[in-house]
């Protein structure tokens, strides 16, 4: 049943090969996607048309949609027919020579050598930054450890000094006690002698009586 121009087509799959038609004596192209990440373009080569050897700054995937063609990469020929695909590396000379009419989808991936080098450079820069921060943190920790050790040694010396002082005071106190004990013993002996002398005098007095 024929559809009107304004009627929506629901449930109908449109194949990429049907999204572009051949044009006499030329190469027709249609861009489906264009973004900073890459492009997707359809090509329809009429008989006798092709792309001479050239290079591209990005990797590209060629996917055959109709017919067949010879794709040369770095002087090496590769034959593609409907359903086949091949990657054409960035900066490598390549050419497309269809055998009769030929349609293909070209997917250009915008991640060439320069982008990879930039990403590698950024990663290297980030690594250097991390290493620098790690060294800085390590030096900070070493400085803090050194400070803690210095404070620990200082505290140790203070404790040793206090212990030495306490021992000195203890020895001084011991000597004082020993001196006092000696004095008390001396006084005790003196008192003992005095009592003994008094006892002797008393005994003599009794003897006389």
Protein backbone atom coordinates (compact mmCIF):
# COMPACT_ATOMS: atom_id res chain seq x y z
CA UNK A 1 0.00 0.00 0.00
CA UNK A 2 1.58 3.34 -0.98
CA UNK A 3 2.55 5.71 1.83
CA UNK A 4 2.01 9.47 1.85
CA UNK A 5 5.05 11.79 2.01
CA UNK A 6 4.24 12.78 5.61
CA UNK A 7 3.65 9.24 6.82
CA UNK A 8 6.35 7.97 9.24
CA UNK A 9 8.23 4.80 8.35
CA UNK A 10 8.23 2.66 11.49
CA UNK A 11 9.96 -0.71 11.75
CA UNK A 12 11.71 -0.35 8.37
CA UNK A 13 15.50 -0.80 8.40
CA UNK A 14 17.44 1.34 5.95
CA UNK A 15 20.76 -0.24 4.99
CA UNK A 16 23.78 2.06 4.63
CA UNK A 17 24.19 0.97 0.97
CA UNK A 18 20.71 2.36 0.27
CA UNK A 19 21.51 5.74 1.81
CA UNK A 20 23.60 6.80 -1.18
CA UNK A 21 23.14 6.33 -4.95
CA UNK A 22 25.57 6.12 -7.82
CA UNK A 23 26.05 9.19 -9.97
CA UNK A 24 27.34 8.97 -13.51
CA UNK A 25 31.06 9.62 -14.03
CA UNK A 26 31.70 10.82 -10.46
CA UNK A 27 32.23 9.84 -6.86
CA UNK A 28 29.21 10.60 -4.70
CA UNK A 29 29.69 11.05 -0.96
CA UNK A 30 27.44 11.53 2.04
CA UNK A 31 28.60 12.34 5.57
CA UNK A 32 26.53 10.61 8.25
CA UNK A 33 28.53 11.64 11.33
CA UNK A 34 31.05 14.42 11.86
CA UNK A 35 32.52 15.10 15.28
CA UNK A 36 35.85 15.72 16.99
CA UNK A 37 36.09 11.97 17.67
CA UNK A 38 35.78 11.05 13.98
CA UNK A 39 33.59 10.91 10.86
CA UNK A 40 31.41 8.34 9.10
CA UNK A 41 31.06 8.90 5.34
CA UNK A 42 29.42 6.90 2.55
CA UNK A 43 31.02 6.77 -0.91
CA UNK A 44 29.55 5.59 -4.23
CA UNK A 45 32.11 5.17 -7.03
CA UNK A 46 30.78 5.04 -10.57
CA UNK A 47 32.55 2.72 -13.01
CA UNK A 48 36.05 4.01 -13.79
CA UNK A 49 36.22 6.27 -10.75
CA UNK A 50 38.66 5.85 -7.84
CA UNK A 51 41.01 7.53 -5.40
CA UNK A 52 44.68 7.87 -6.31
CA UNK A 53 47.40 7.18 -3.77
CA UNK A 54 47.30 9.58 -0.81
CA UNK A 55 47.78 9.68 2.97
CA UNK A 56 45.50 10.64 5.86
CA UNK A 57 46.43 11.92 9.34
CA UNK A 58 44.13 9.40 11.04
CA UNK A 59 43.41 5.68 10.96
CA UNK A 60 40.42 4.83 8.75
CA UNK A 61 38.18 1.76 8.43
CA UNK A 62 36.92 1.00 4.90
CA UNK A 63 33.80 -1.21 4.85
CA UNK A 64 32.59 -2.51 1.47
CA UNK A 65 28.81 -2.08 0.97
CA UNK A 66 28.37 -2.99 -2.72
CA UNK A 67 30.60 -4.31 -5.47
CA UNK A 68 34.32 -4.85 -5.08
CA UNK A 69 37.54 -2.85 -5.19
CA UNK A 70 41.28 -3.07 -4.91
CA UNK A 71 42.63 -1.10 -1.97
CA UNK A 72 46.38 -0.64 -2.01
CA UNK A 73 48.15 0.09 1.29
CA UNK A 74 51.90 0.79 1.15
CA UNK A 75 52.03 -0.71 -2.38
CA UNK A 76 50.35 -3.92 -1.18
CA UNK A 77 46.98 -4.67 -2.86
CA UNK A 78 43.97 -5.89 -0.86
CA UNK A 79 40.68 -6.95 -2.47
CA UNK A 80 37.41 -6.04 -0.80
CA UNK A 81 33.94 -7.17 -1.71
CA UNK A 82 30.58 -6.59 -0.06
CA UNK A 83 30.82 -7.30 3.69
CA UNK A 84 34.64 -7.06 3.86
CA UNK A 85 36.52 -4.35 5.73
CA UNK A 86 40.09 -3.16 6.16
CA UNK A 87 41.96 -0.58 8.24
CA UNK A 88 44.07 2.01 6.44
CA UNK A 89 46.69 3.23 8.96
CA UNK A 90 47.41 6.92 9.44
CA UNK A 91 50.25 8.45 7.40
CA UNK A 92 50.58 5.31 5.21
CA UNK A 93 49.99 5.83 1.44
CA UNK A 94 46.86 4.09 0.17
CA UNK A 95 44.61 4.11 -2.89
CA UNK A 96 41.11 2.88 -3.83
CA UNK A 97 40.48 1.43 -7.30
CA UNK A 98 36.95 -0.05 -7.70
CA UNK A 99 36.29 -2.96 -10.05
CA UNK A 100 33.10 -1.68 -11.64
CA UNK A 101 30.70 0.25 -9.44
CA UNK A 102 31.54 0.24 -5.76
CA UNK A 103 30.08 1.58 -2.51
CA UNK A 104 31.88 1.79 0.80
CA UNK A 105 31.55 3.27 4.28
CA UNK A 106 34.64 5.10 5.53
CA UNK A 107 35.00 5.51 9.29
CA UNK A 108 37.73 8.01 10.15
CA UNK A 109 39.03 7.72 13.71
CA UNK A 110 40.41 11.01 15.00
CA UNK A 111 43.08 9.53 17.23
CA UNK A 112 46.15 9.81 15.10
CA UNK A 113 49.81 9.73 16.03
CA UNK A 114 49.77 13.32 17.19
CA UNK A 115 46.88 12.68 19.58
CA UNK A 116 48.55 9.56 20.94
CA UNK A 117 51.80 11.47 21.45
CA UNK A 118 49.88 14.28 23.12
CA UNK A 119 48.10 11.81 25.40
CA UNK A 120 51.41 10.08 26.13
CA UNK A 121 52.98 13.48 26.82
CA UNK A 122 50.13 14.42 29.13
CA UNK A 123 50.41 11.07 30.92
CA UNK A 124 54.17 11.54 31.25
CA UNK A 125 53.61 15.07 32.54
CA UNK A 126 51.04 13.76 35.04
CA UNK A 127 53.45 11.00 36.13
CA UNK A 128 56.23 13.56 36.63
CA UNK A 129 53.84 15.71 38.65
CA UNK A 130 52.84 12.75 40.82
CA UNK A 131 56.49 11.75 41.32
CA UNK A 132 57.39 15.34 42.23
CA UNK A 133 54.53 15.47 44.74
CA UNK A 134 55.60 12.05 46.10
CA UNK A 135 59.20 13.27 46.53
CA UNK A 136 57.93 16.45 48.18
CA UNK A 137 55.75 14.42 50.54
CA UNK A 138 58.67 12.07 51.24
CA UNK A 139 60.95 15.01 52.10
CA UNK A 140 58.21 16.44 54.34
CA UNK A 141 57.87 13.11 56.14
CA UNK A 142 61.66 12.79 56.48
CA UNK A 143 61.80 16.32 57.89
CA UNK A 144 59.00 15.51 60.36
CA UNK A 145 60.74 12.24 61.34
CA UNK A 146 64.01 14.12 61.83
CA UNK A 147 62.21 16.68 63.98
CA UNK A 148 60.52 13.95 66.04
CA UNK A 149 63.84 12.14 66.54
CA UNK A 150 65.49 15.41 67.60
CA UNK A 151 62.67 16.09 70.08
CA UNK A 152 62.90 12.48 71.30
CA UNK A 153 66.68 12.84 71.87
CA UNK A 154 66.09 16.17 73.62
CA UNK A 155 63.44 14.61 75.87
CA UNK A 156 65.73 11.63 76.51
CA UNK A 157 68.56 13.95 77.57
CA UNK A 158 66.15 15.88 79.80
CA UNK A 159 65.01 12.65 81.46
CA UNK A 160 68.60 11.48 81.87
CA UNK A 161 69.49 14.84 83.44
CA UNK A 162 66.48 14.61 85.78
CA UNK A 163 67.42 11.02 86.68
CA UNK A 164 71.00 12.10 87.35
CA UNK A 165 69.74 14.94 89.54
CA UNK A 166 67.43 12.61 91.45
CA UNK A 167 70.26 10.12 91.98
CA UNK A 168 72.52 12.92 93.17
CA UNK A 169 69.84 14.15 95.58
CA UNK A 170 69.26 10.57 96.71
CA UNK A 171 72.99 10.08 97.37
CA UNK A 172 73.11 13.43 99.20
CA UNK A 173 70.10 12.43 101.31
CA UNK A 174 71.71 9.06 101.99
CA UNK A 175 74.91 10.69 103.14
CA UNK A 176 72.92 13.06 105.35
CA UNK A 177 71.07 10.14 106.92
CA UNK A 178 74.32 8.23 107.37
CA UNK A 179 75.88 11.32 109.01
CA UNK A 180 72.86 11.73 111.30
CA UNK A 181 72.96 8.02 112.15
CA UNK A 182 76.68 8.27 112.88
CA UNK A 183 76.06 11.33 115.08
CA UNK A 184 73.26 9.54 116.94
CA UNK A 185 75.47 6.49 117.48
CA UNK A 186 78.30 8.72 118.70
CA UNK A 187 75.91 10.51 121.10
CA UNK A 188 74.57 7.14 122.20
CA UNK A 189 78.09 5.84 122.93
CA UNK A 190 78.91 9.09 124.77
CA UNK A 191 75.76 8.75 126.82
CA UNK A 192 76.58 5.10 127.49
CA UNK A 193 80.06 6.01 128.72
CA UNK A 194 78.60 8.74 130.91
CA UNK A 195 76.17 6.28 132.49
CA UNK A 196 78.92 3.75 132.97
CA UNK A 197 81.10 6.38 134.67
CA UNK A 198 78.23 7.45 136.93
CA UNK A 199 77.63 3.81 137.80
CA UNK A 200 81.29 3.34 138.65
CA UNK A 201 81.28 6.41 140.97
CA UNK A 202 78.14 5.18 142.63
CA UNK A 203 79.64 1.73 143.15
CA UNK A 204 82.81 3.23 144.75
CA UNK A 205 80.69 5.31 147.13
CA UNK A 206 78.84 2.23 148.30
CA UNK A 207 82.08 0.33 148.77
CA UNK A 208 83.46 3.06 151.08
CA UNK A 209 80.38 2.94 153.25
